[in-house]
C-alpha atoms as a PDB file:
ATOM      1  CA  MET A   1     -11.717  30.275   9.090  1.00  0.00           C
ATOM      2  CA  THR A   2      -8.612  29.618   7.303  1.00  0.00           C
ATOM      3  CA  ARG A   3      -8.022  31.004   3.866  1.00  0.00           C
ATOM      4  CA  GLU A   4      -8.193  29.057   0.951  1.00  0.00           C
ATOM      5  CA  ILE A   5      -5.386  27.572  -1.188  1.00  0.00           C
ATOM      6  CA  SER A   6      -5.741  25.622  -4.523  1.00  0.00           C
ATOM      7  CA  LEU A   7      -3.757  22.722  -5.026  1.00  0.00           C
ATOM      8  CA  GLY A   8      -4.910  21.399  -8.700  1.00  0.00           C
ATOM      9  CA  ALA A   9      -8.965  20.192  -8.346  1.00  0.00           C
ATOM     10  CA  ASN A  10      -8.631  20.367  -4.565  1.00  0.00           C
ATOM     11  CA  ARG A  11      -9.082  23.433  -2.291  1.00  0.00           C
ATOM     12  CA  LEU A  12      -7.009  23.083   0.861  1.00  0.00           C
ATOM     13  CA  GLY A  13      -8.323  24.946   3.714  1.00  0.00           C
ATOM     14  CA  GLY A  14     -11.094  27.607   4.375  1.00  0.00           C
ATOM     15  CA  GLY A  15     -13.569  25.075   5.615  1.00  0.00           C
ATOM     16  CA  ASN A  16     -13.075  22.806   2.369  1.00  0.00           C
ATOM     17  CA  PRO A  17     -13.230  19.026   3.335  1.00  0.00           C
ATOM     18  CA  LEU A  18     -10.167  17.438   5.379  1.00  0.00           C
ATOM     19  CA  PHE A  19      -7.179  16.364   3.163  1.00  0.00           C
ATOM     20  CA  LEU A  20      -4.181  14.240   3.654  1.00  0.00           C
ATOM     21  CA  ILE A  21      -0.830  13.832   3.556  1.00  0.00           C
ATOM     22  CA  ALA A  22       1.068  11.213   3.969  1.00  0.00           C
ATOM     23  CA  GLY A  23       4.043   8.918   2.694  1.00  0.00           C
ATOM     24  CA  PRO A  24       7.328   7.357   4.117  1.00  0.00           C
ATOM     25  CA  CYS A  25       9.298   9.755   5.588  1.00  0.00           C
ATOM     26  CA  VAL A  26      12.259   8.927   3.468  1.00  0.00           C
ATOM     27  CA  ILE A  27      12.916   7.723  -0.297  1.00  0.00           C
ATOM     28  CA  GLU A  28      13.984   4.214   0.217  1.00  0.00           C
ATOM     29  CA  GLY A  29      14.231   3.320  -3.292  1.00  0.00           C
ATOM     30  CA  GLU A  30      12.039   3.761  -6.477  1.00  0.00           C
ATOM     31  CA  VAL A  31       9.808   0.498  -5.781  1.00  0.00           C
ATOM     32  CA  HIS A  32       9.436   1.377  -2.396  1.00  0.00           C
ATOM     33  CA  ALA A  33       7.723   4.988  -2.896  1.00  0.00           C
ATOM     34  CA  ARG A  34       6.324   4.195  -6.032  1.00  0.00           C
ATOM     35  CA  LYS A  35       4.454   1.103  -4.344  1.00  0.00           C
ATOM     36  CA  ILE A  36       3.372   3.270  -1.157  1.00  0.00           C
ATOM     37  CA  ALA A  37       2.129   6.277  -3.460  1.00  0.00           C
ATOM     38  CA  GLU A  38      -0.163   3.431  -5.099  1.00  0.00           C
ATOM     39  CA  GLN A  39      -1.019   2.075  -2.042  1.00  0.00           C
ATOM     40  CA  VAL A  40      -2.071   5.384  -0.026  1.00  0.00           C
ATOM     41  CA  ALA A  41      -3.854   7.117  -2.949  1.00  0.00           C
ATOM     42  CA  ARG A  42      -6.102   4.485  -3.399  1.00  0.00           C
ATOM     43  CA  ILE A  43      -6.590   4.444   0.271  1.00  0.00           C
ATOM     44  CA  ALA A  44      -7.535   7.841   0.116  1.00  0.00           C
ATOM     45  CA  GLY A  45      -9.545   7.851  -3.020  1.00  0.00           C
ATOM     46  CA  ASP A  46     -11.647   5.139  -1.253  1.00  0.00           C
ATOM     47  CA  ALA A  47     -12.181   7.570   2.065  1.00  0.00           C
ATOM     48  CA  GLY A  48     -13.090  10.095  -0.342  1.00  0.00           C
ATOM     49  CA  VAL A  49     -10.051  12.469   0.886  1.00  0.00           C
ATOM     50  CA  PRO A  50      -7.870  14.642  -1.581  1.00  0.00           C
ATOM     51  CA  TYR A  51      -4.139  13.072  -1.025  1.00  0.00           C
ATOM     52  CA  ILE A  52      -0.945  14.899  -1.590  1.00  0.00           C
ATOM     53  CA  TYR A  53       2.005  12.533  -1.502  1.00  0.00           C
ATOM     54  CA  LYS A  54       5.264  13.013   0.722  1.00  0.00           C
ATOM     55  CA  ALA A  55       9.031  11.577   0.755  1.00  0.00           C
ATOM     56  CA  SER A  56      11.606  13.179   1.482  1.00  0.00           C
ATOM     57  CA  TYR A  57      14.681  12.873  -0.831  1.00  0.00           C
ATOM     58  CA  ASP A  58      17.316  13.503   2.120  1.00  0.00           C
ATOM     59  CA  LYS A  59      16.842  13.682   5.674  1.00  0.00           C
ATOM     60  CA  ALA A  60      19.493  16.109   6.680  1.00  0.00           C
ATOM     61  CA  ASN A  61      18.573  16.021  10.698  1.00  0.00           C
ATOM     62  CA  ARG A  62      19.149  12.325  11.163  1.00  0.00           C
ATOM     63  CA  SER A  63      19.743  11.481  14.873  1.00  0.00           C
ATOM     64  CA  SER A  64      23.428  10.373  13.693  1.00  0.00           C
ATOM     65  CA  VAL A  65      26.094  10.534  11.350  1.00  0.00           C
ATOM     66  CA  THR A  66      25.528   6.738  10.092  1.00  0.00           C
ATOM     67  CA  SER A  67      21.728   7.153   9.895  1.00  0.00           C
ATOM     68  CA  PHE A  68      19.554   6.116   6.233  1.00  0.00           C
ATOM     69  CA  ARG A  69      19.266  10.019   5.091  1.00  0.00           C
ATOM     70  CA  GLY A  70      17.988   9.213   0.987  1.00  0.00           C
ATOM     71  CA  PRO A  71      18.833   9.072  -2.102  1.00  0.00           C
ATOM     72  CA  GLY A  72      19.744  12.807  -2.454  1.00  0.00           C
ATOM     73  CA  LEU A  73      18.328  16.120  -4.435  1.00  0.00           C
ATOM     74  CA  LYS A  74      18.827  14.881  -7.985  1.00  0.00           C
ATOM     75  CA  GLU A  75      17.864  10.909  -7.622  1.00  0.00           C
ATOM     76  CA  GLY A  76      15.262  11.840  -5.465  1.00  0.00           C
ATOM     77  CA  LEU A  77      13.752  14.592  -7.585  1.00  0.00           C
ATOM     78  CA  ARG A  78      13.652  11.989 -10.305  1.00  0.00           C
ATOM     79  CA  ILE A  79      12.114   9.264  -8.750  1.00  0.00           C
ATOM     80  CA  LEU A  80       9.527  11.864  -7.601  1.00  0.00           C
ATOM     81  CA  ARG A  81       8.508  13.539 -10.746  1.00  0.00           C
ATOM     82  CA  LYS A  82       7.824  10.039 -12.036  1.00  0.00           C
ATOM     83  CA  ILE A  83       5.436   9.537  -9.266  1.00  0.00           C
ATOM     84  CA  LYS A  84       3.900  12.665  -9.838  1.00  0.00           C
ATOM     85  CA  GLU A  85       3.640  12.201 -13.512  1.00  0.00           C
ATOM     86  CA  ASP A  86       2.781   8.734 -13.862  1.00  0.00           C
ATOM     87  CA  LEU A  87      -0.025   8.724 -10.779  1.00  0.00           C
ATOM     88  CA  LYS A  88      -0.734  11.849 -11.000  1.00  0.00           C
ATOM     89  CA  LEU A  89      -0.398  12.900  -7.442  1.00  0.00           C
ATOM     90  CA  PRO A  90       0.484  16.390  -5.681  1.00  0.00           C
ATOM     91  CA  ILE A  91       3.768  16.067  -4.356  1.00  0.00           C
ATOM     92  CA  LEU A  92       5.472  17.307  -1.154  1.00  0.00           C
ATOM     93  CA  SER A  93       8.925  17.263  -0.388  1.00  0.00           C
ATOM     94  CA  ASP A  94      11.478  18.882   2.854  1.00  0.00           C
ATOM     95  CA  ILE A  95      14.311  21.420   1.513  1.00  0.00           C
ATOM     96  CA  HIS A  96      16.675  22.187   4.117  1.00  0.00           C
ATOM     97  CA  ASP A  97      19.033  24.652   2.144  1.00  0.00           C
ATOM     98  CA  ALA A  98      17.865  27.798   0.109  1.00  0.00           C
ATOM     99  CA  ALA A  99      19.984  26.652  -3.200  1.00  0.00           C
ATOM    100  CA  GLN A 100      17.159  23.570  -2.608  1.00  0.00           C
ATOM    101  CA  ALA A 101      14.592  25.743  -3.520  1.00  0.00           C
ATOM    102  CA  ALA A 102      14.637  26.262  -7.183  1.00  0.00           C
ATOM    103  CA  PRO A 103      15.091  22.825  -8.088  1.00  0.00           C
ATOM    104  CA  ALA A 104      12.674  21.070  -5.622  1.00  0.00           C
ATOM    105  CA  ALA A 105       9.935  23.580  -6.431  1.00  0.00           C
ATOM    106  CA  GLU A 106      10.521  22.037 -10.418  1.00  0.00           C
ATOM    107  CA  VAL A 107       8.900  18.741  -9.421  1.00  0.00           C
ATOM    108  CA  CYS A 108       7.162  19.395  -5.631  1.00  0.00           C
ATOM    109  CA  ASP A 109       4.087  21.192  -5.632  1.00  0.00           C
ATOM    110  CA  ILE A 110       4.205  21.778  -2.210  1.00  0.00           C
ATOM    111  CA  LEU A 111       7.714  22.779  -0.643  1.00  0.00           C
ATOM    112  CA  GLN A 112       8.169  21.584   3.195  1.00  0.00           C
ATOM    113  CA  ILE A 113       9.949  23.830   5.895  1.00  0.00           C
ATOM    114  CA  PRO A 114      11.346  20.975   8.360  1.00  0.00           C
ATOM    115  CA  ALA A 115      10.829  22.004  11.816  1.00  0.00           C
ATOM    116  CA  PHE A 116      14.706  22.856  13.252  1.00  0.00           C
ATOM    117  CA  LEU A 117      14.561  25.143  10.379  1.00  0.00           C
ATOM    118  CA  SER A 118      11.019  27.204  10.460  1.00  0.00           C
ATOM    119  CA  ARG A 119      13.279  30.495  11.836  1.00  0.00           C
ATOM    120  CA  GLN A 120      15.642  30.063   9.176  1.00  0.00           C
ATOM    121  CA  THR A 121      14.900  33.255   7.075  1.00  0.00           C
ATOM    122  CA  ASP A 122      17.162  32.760   3.887  1.00  0.00           C
ATOM    123  CA  LEU A 123      15.524  28.923   3.532  1.00  0.00           C
ATOM    124  CA  LEU A 124      11.829  30.845   4.105  1.00  0.00           C
ATOM    125  CA  GLU A 125      12.478  33.376   1.505  1.00  0.00           C
ATOM    126  CA  ALA A 126      13.976  31.427  -1.080  1.00  0.00           C
ATOM    127  CA  ALA A 127      10.735  28.691  -0.801  1.00  0.00           C
ATOM    128  CA  GLY A 128       8.129  31.416  -1.043  1.00  0.00           C
ATOM    129  CA  LYS A 129      10.004  33.308  -4.026  1.00  0.00           C
ATOM    130  CA  THR A 130       9.576  29.587  -5.761  1.00  0.00           C
ATOM    131  CA  GLY A 131       5.317  30.408  -5.898  1.00  0.00           C
ATOM    132  CA  ARG A 132       5.061  26.849  -4.370  1.00  0.00           C
ATOM    133  CA  ILE A 133       3.048  26.139  -1.800  1.00  0.00           C
ATOM    134  CA  VAL A 134       4.990  26.385   1.874  1.00  0.00           C
ATOM    135  CA  ASN A 135       4.232  24.075   4.185  1.00  0.00           C
ATOM    136  CA  VAL A 136       6.252  25.307   7.797  1.00  0.00           C
ATOM    137  CA  LYS A 137       6.526  22.687  10.241  1.00  0.00           C
ATOM    138  CA  LYS A 138       6.336  24.498  13.817  1.00  0.00           C
ATOM    139  CA  ALA A 139       9.735  24.296  15.583  1.00  0.00           C
ATOM    140  CA  GLN A 140       9.491  22.031  19.083  1.00  0.00           C
ATOM    141  CA  PHE A 141      10.660  25.041  20.496  1.00  0.00           C
ATOM    142  CA  LEU A 142       8.100  27.863  19.134  1.00  0.00           C
ATOM    143  CA  SER A 143       4.789  28.873  20.355  1.00  0.00           C
ATOM    144  CA  PRO A 144       2.132  28.904  17.973  1.00  0.00           C
ATOM    145  CA  TRP A 145       1.742  32.343  18.265  1.00  0.00           C
ATOM    146  CA  GLU A 146       4.829  32.852  17.370  1.00  0.00           C
ATOM    147  CA  MET A 147       4.437  31.447  13.539  1.00  0.00           C
ATOM    148  CA  GLY A 148       2.804  34.112  12.412  1.00  0.00           C
ATOM    149  CA  ASN A 149       6.462  36.113  12.593  1.00  0.00           C
ATOM    150  CA  VAL A 150       7.316  32.703  10.303  1.00  0.00           C
ATOM    151  CA  ALA A 151       4.654  32.674   8.091  1.00  0.00           C
ATOM    152  CA  GLU A 152       5.286  36.751   7.334  1.00  0.00           C
ATOM    153  CA  LYS A 153       8.527  35.934   5.955  1.00  0.00           C
ATOM    154  CA  ILE A 154       7.268  34.420   3.286  1.00  0.00           C
ATOM    155  CA  ALA A 155       4.343  35.917   2.610  1.00  0.00           C
ATOM    156  CA  VAL A 156       6.861  39.573   1.887  1.00  0.00           C
ATOM    157  CA  THR A 157       8.250  37.888  -1.038  1.00  0.00           C
ATOM    158  CA  GLY A 158       4.559  37.982  -2.511  1.00  0.00           C
ATOM    159  CA  ASN A 159       3.610  34.202  -1.824  1.00  0.00           C
ATOM    160  CA  SER A 160       0.797  33.886   0.431  1.00  0.00           C
ATOM    161  CA  LYS A 161       0.327  30.172  -0.612  1.00  0.00           C
ATOM    162  CA  ILE A 162       1.268  29.172   3.556  1.00  0.00           C
ATOM    163  CA  MET A 163       0.262  26.092   5.651  1.00  0.00           C
ATOM    164  CA  LEU A 164       1.539  25.689   9.011  1.00  0.00           C
ATOM    165  CA  THR A 165       1.979  22.341  10.861  1.00  0.00           C
ATOM    166  CA  GLU A 166       1.595  21.732  14.351  1.00  0.00           C
ATOM    167  CA  ARG A 167       4.111  19.190  15.723  1.00  0.00           C
ATOM    168  CA  GLY A 168       4.254  18.682  19.287  1.00  0.00           C
ATOM    169  CA  ALA A 169       6.166  20.523  21.501  1.00  0.00           C
ATOM    170  CA  SER A 170       9.496  19.841  23.509  1.00  0.00           C
ATOM    171  CA  PHE A 171       8.487  18.643  26.986  1.00  0.00           C
ATOM    172  CA  GLY A 172      11.382  17.528  29.270  1.00  0.00           C
ATOM    173  CA  TYR A 173      14.178  15.644  27.604  1.00  0.00           C
ATOM    174  CA  GLN A 174      13.359  13.199  24.399  1.00  0.00           C
ATOM    175  CA  ASN A 175       9.588  13.549  24.899  1.00  0.00           C
ATOM    176  CA  LEU A 176       6.970  15.913  23.099  1.00  0.00           C
ATOM    177  CA  VAL A 177       3.156  16.937  23.743  1.00  0.00           C
ATOM    178  CA  VAL A 178       0.543  18.609  21.481  1.00  0.00           C
ATOM    179  CA  ASP A 179      -1.229  21.314  22.954  1.00  0.00           C
ATOM    180  CA  MET A 180      -5.065  21.489  21.222  1.00  0.00           C
ATOM    181  CA  ARG A 181      -5.042  25.216  22.063  1.00  0.00           C
ATOM    182  CA  SER A 182      -2.342  25.620  18.862  1.00  0.00           C
ATOM    183  CA  PHE A 183      -4.726  24.323  16.644  1.00  0.00           C
ATOM    184  CA  PRO A 184      -7.261  27.690  17.207  1.00  0.00           C
ATOM    185  CA  ILE A 185      -4.008  29.764  17.841  1.00  0.00           C
ATOM    186  CA  LEU A 186      -2.728  29.064  14.289  1.00  0.00           C
ATOM    187  CA  GLU A 187      -5.857  28.815  12.399  1.00  0.00           C
ATOM    188  CA  LYS A 188      -6.194  32.860  13.361  1.00  0.00           C
ATOM    189  CA  ILE A 189      -2.579  33.377  11.625  1.00  0.00           C
ATOM    190  CA  GLY A 190      -4.838  32.841   8.537  1.00  0.00           C
ATOM    191  CA  TYR A 191      -3.576  29.930   6.920  1.00  0.00           C
ATOM    192  CA  PRO A 192      -4.018  26.424   6.664  1.00  0.00           C
ATOM    193  CA  VAL A 193      -3.553  24.208   9.579  1.00  0.00           C
ATOM    194  CA  VAL A 194      -2.136  20.460   9.563  1.00  0.00           C
ATOM    195  CA  PHE A 195      -1.615  18.640  12.285  1.00  0.00           C
ATOM    196  CA  ASP A 196       1.735  16.006  11.532  1.00  0.00           C
ATOM    197  CA  VAL A 197       0.350  13.278  13.921  1.00  0.00           C
ATOM    198  CA  THR A 198       3.120  11.125  13.799  1.00  0.00           C
ATOM    199  CA  HIS A 199       5.979  13.083  14.399  1.00  0.00           C
ATOM    200  CA  ALA A 200       3.834  14.453  17.148  1.00  0.00           C
ATOM    201  CA  VAL A 201       4.403  10.906  18.888  1.00  0.00           C
ATOM    202  CA  GLN A 202       7.685  10.659  18.252  1.00  0.00           C
ATOM    203  CA  LEU A 203      10.438  10.381  21.451  1.00  0.00           C
ATOM    204  CA  PRO A 204      12.922  12.365  19.807  1.00  0.00           C
ATOM    205  CA  GLY A 205      16.817  10.917  20.416  1.00  0.00           C
ATOM    206  CA  GLY A 206      14.934   8.069  22.328  1.00  0.00           C
ATOM    207  CA  GLN A 207      16.887   5.272  21.429  1.00  0.00           C
ATOM    208  CA  GLY A 208      20.297   7.047  21.214  1.00  0.00           C
ATOM    209  CA  ASN A 209      21.589   6.920  18.023  1.00  0.00           C
ATOM    210  CA  ALA A 210      17.894   6.932  16.821  1.00  0.00           C
ATOM    211  CA  SER A 211      14.366   8.339  17.375  1.00  0.00           C
ATOM    212  CA  GLY A 212      11.614   6.356  18.956  1.00  0.00           C
ATOM    213  CA  GLY A 213       8.121   7.057  19.225  1.00  0.00           C
ATOM    214  CA  GLN A 214       4.703   5.501  20.756  1.00  0.00           C
ATOM    215  CA  PRO A 215       2.408   4.686  17.548  1.00  0.00           C
ATOM    216  CA  GLU A 216      -0.288   3.674  19.769  1.00  0.00           C
ATOM    217  CA  PHE A 217      -1.473   7.371  20.207  1.00  0.00           C
ATOM    218  CA  ILE A 218      -1.154   8.459  16.493  1.00  0.00           C
ATOM    219  CA  GLU A 219      -5.040   7.377  16.341  1.00  0.00           C
ATOM    220  CA  PRO A 220      -6.130   9.242  19.450  1.00  0.00           C
ATOM    221  CA  LEU A 221      -3.965  12.337  18.650  1.00  0.00           C
ATOM    222  CA  ALA A 222      -5.377  12.270  15.533  1.00  0.00           C
ATOM    223  CA  ARG A 223      -8.895  12.164  16.331  1.00  0.00           C
ATOM    224  CA  ALA A 224      -8.368  15.002  18.592  1.00  0.00           C
ATOM    225  CA  GLY A 225      -6.786  17.454  16.259  1.00  0.00           C
ATOM    226  CA  VAL A 226      -9.551  16.357  13.517  1.00  0.00           C
ATOM    227  CA  ALA A 227     -12.195  17.118  16.511  1.00  0.00           C
ATOM    228  CA  ALA A 228     -10.310  20.440  16.741  1.00  0.00           C
ATOM    229  CA  GLY A 229     -10.693  21.609  13.287  1.00  0.00           C
ATOM    230  CA  VAL A 230      -7.349  21.144  11.213  1.00  0.00           C
ATOM    231  CA  ASP A 231      -7.426  21.343   7.832  1.00  0.00           C
ATOM    232  CA  GLY A 232      -5.100  18.175   7.223  1.00  0.00           C
ATOM    233  CA  ILE A 233      -3.503  15.601   8.542  1.00  0.00           C
ATOM    234  CA  PHE A 234       0.356  14.757   7.809  1.00  0.00           C
ATOM    235  CA  LEU A 235       1.310  11.042   8.776  1.00  0.00           C
ATOM    236  CA  GLU A 236       4.046   8.902   7.831  1.00  0.00           C
ATOM    237  CA  THR A 237       3.306   5.164   6.643  1.00  0.00           C
ATOM    238  CA  HIS A 238       5.206   2.267   6.241  1.00  0.00           C
ATOM    239  CA  GLU A 239       3.770  -1.260   5.574  1.00  0.00           C
ATOM    240  CA  ASN A 240       6.620  -2.200   7.631  1.00  0.00           C
ATOM    241  CA  PRO A 241       7.760   0.050  10.204  1.00  0.00           C
ATOM    242  CA  ALA A 242      10.377  -1.957  11.933  1.00  0.00           C
ATOM    243  CA  ALA A 243      11.887  -2.530   8.916  1.00  0.00           C
ATOM    244  CA  ALA A 244      12.023   1.213   7.641  1.00  0.00           C
ATOM    245  CA  LEU A 245      15.153   2.919   7.301  1.00  0.00           C
ATOM    246  CA  SER A 246      13.826   6.274   9.075  1.00  0.00           C
ATOM    247  CA  ASP A 247      11.662   7.264  11.386  1.00  0.00           C
ATOM    248  CA  GLY A 248       9.849   3.585  11.680  1.00  0.00           C
ATOM    249  CA  PRO A 249       9.260   3.843  15.425  1.00  0.00           C
ATOM    250  CA  ASN A 250       6.386   6.507  14.898  1.00  0.00           C
ATOM    251  CA  ALA A 251       5.053   5.589  11.663  1.00  0.00           C
ATOM    252  CA  LEU A 252       2.015   4.169  10.975  1.00  0.00           C
ATOM    253  CA  PRO A 253       1.703   0.793   9.422  1.00  0.00           C
ATOM    254  CA  LEU A 254      -0.162   0.671   6.235  1.00  0.00           C
ATOM    255  CA  SER A 255      -2.657  -1.374   6.868  1.00  0.00           C
ATOM    256  CA  GLN A 256      -4.179   0.401   9.616  1.00  0.00           C
ATOM    257  CA  LEU A 257      -4.920   3.640   7.688  1.00  0.00           C
ATOM    258  CA  PRO A 258      -7.676   2.812   5.562  1.00  0.00           C
ATOM    259  CA  ALA A 259      -9.876   2.305   9.317  1.00  0.00           C
ATOM    260  CA  LEU A 260      -8.007   5.504  10.505  1.00  0.00           C
ATOM    261  CA  LEU A 261      -8.979   7.810   7.424  1.00  0.00           C
ATOM    262  CA  LYS A 262     -12.541   5.966   7.184  1.00  0.00           C
ATOM    263  CA  ARG A 263     -12.988   7.551  11.122  1.00  0.00           C
ATOM    264  CA  LEU A 264     -11.132  10.878  10.596  1.00  0.00           C
ATOM    265  CA  LYS A 265     -13.072  11.340   7.381  1.00  0.00           C
ATOM    266  CA  GLU A 266     -16.632  10.889   9.154  1.00  0.00           C
ATOM    267  CA  LEU A 267     -15.582  12.972  12.522  1.00  0.00           C
ATOM    268  CA  SER A 268     -14.240  16.018   9.918  1.00  0.00           C
ATOM    269  CA  THR A 269     -17.513  16.145   8.386  1.00  0.00           C
ATOM    270  CA  VAL A 270     -19.210  16.156  11.792  1.00  0.00           C
ATOM    271  CA  VAL A 271     -17.051  18.954  13.034  1.00  0.00           C
ATOM    272  CA  ARG A 272     -17.383  21.108   9.765  1.00  0.00           C
ATOM    273  CA  ARG A 273     -21.120  20.900   9.695  1.00  0.00           C
ATOM    274  CA  TRP A 274     -20.910  22.529  13.260  1.00  0.00           C
ATOM    275  CA  SER A 275     -18.576  24.896  11.987  1.00  0.00           C
ATOM    276  CA  VAL A 276     -20.854  26.617   9.768  1.00  0.00           C
ATOM    277  CA  GLN A 277     -24.133  26.724  11.973  1.00  0.00           C
END
């Protein structure tokens, strides 16, 4: 069983209830970001699932130089702060550079390290030194047992508030697969384990100048991850994925979230009951 992390009134990991990290891939505007936050918060509340709002102020690793990246650090953090204060939600966002860690930590409860940057020592140490929870996405090219070295780079700063996120491994060109063995391996490292189910169905660069996706596999993979005992589910959702400005092809339509979350909650309750027997 993983160690427990406190986040306000919620407890993440350690056998506590399944939690949800969800929101749009990128901040598309203040009105849209807030609308998604309000709707997902209501859905998660109805399902009895602790909720963390996520949205990126900058997507620095887009496929094309012409791709939408978001409002940037200053404006993005202003929007996230407003959502946090008005809706009383914990906030997660990515950082891409060590210099972003301190300003992002003033607003974000969780700093996320993107998969492509998960071995960048300076970035990991800077995030750790903020004292915030650090969620590291496992790179597509890393094995799950290598994440122990990644976590150690944060832990040496004195910060043990770490989460490890599986998002699939590269399988040939422009395809990802999820090895279900990864979840118990990551759990043995000792930190809460999250499954980024929507990025796991991504087809990186699959549309030439943008990534594709296979959203029809979101639910079966999510169910499999919960059955394997993950502590949290990460997913990106949008009311109209076809019109999303980033990662729409692998986003979950918002209309499908209530039913999916209800099923995951039920499954998680059974799995947690088994784990303590």
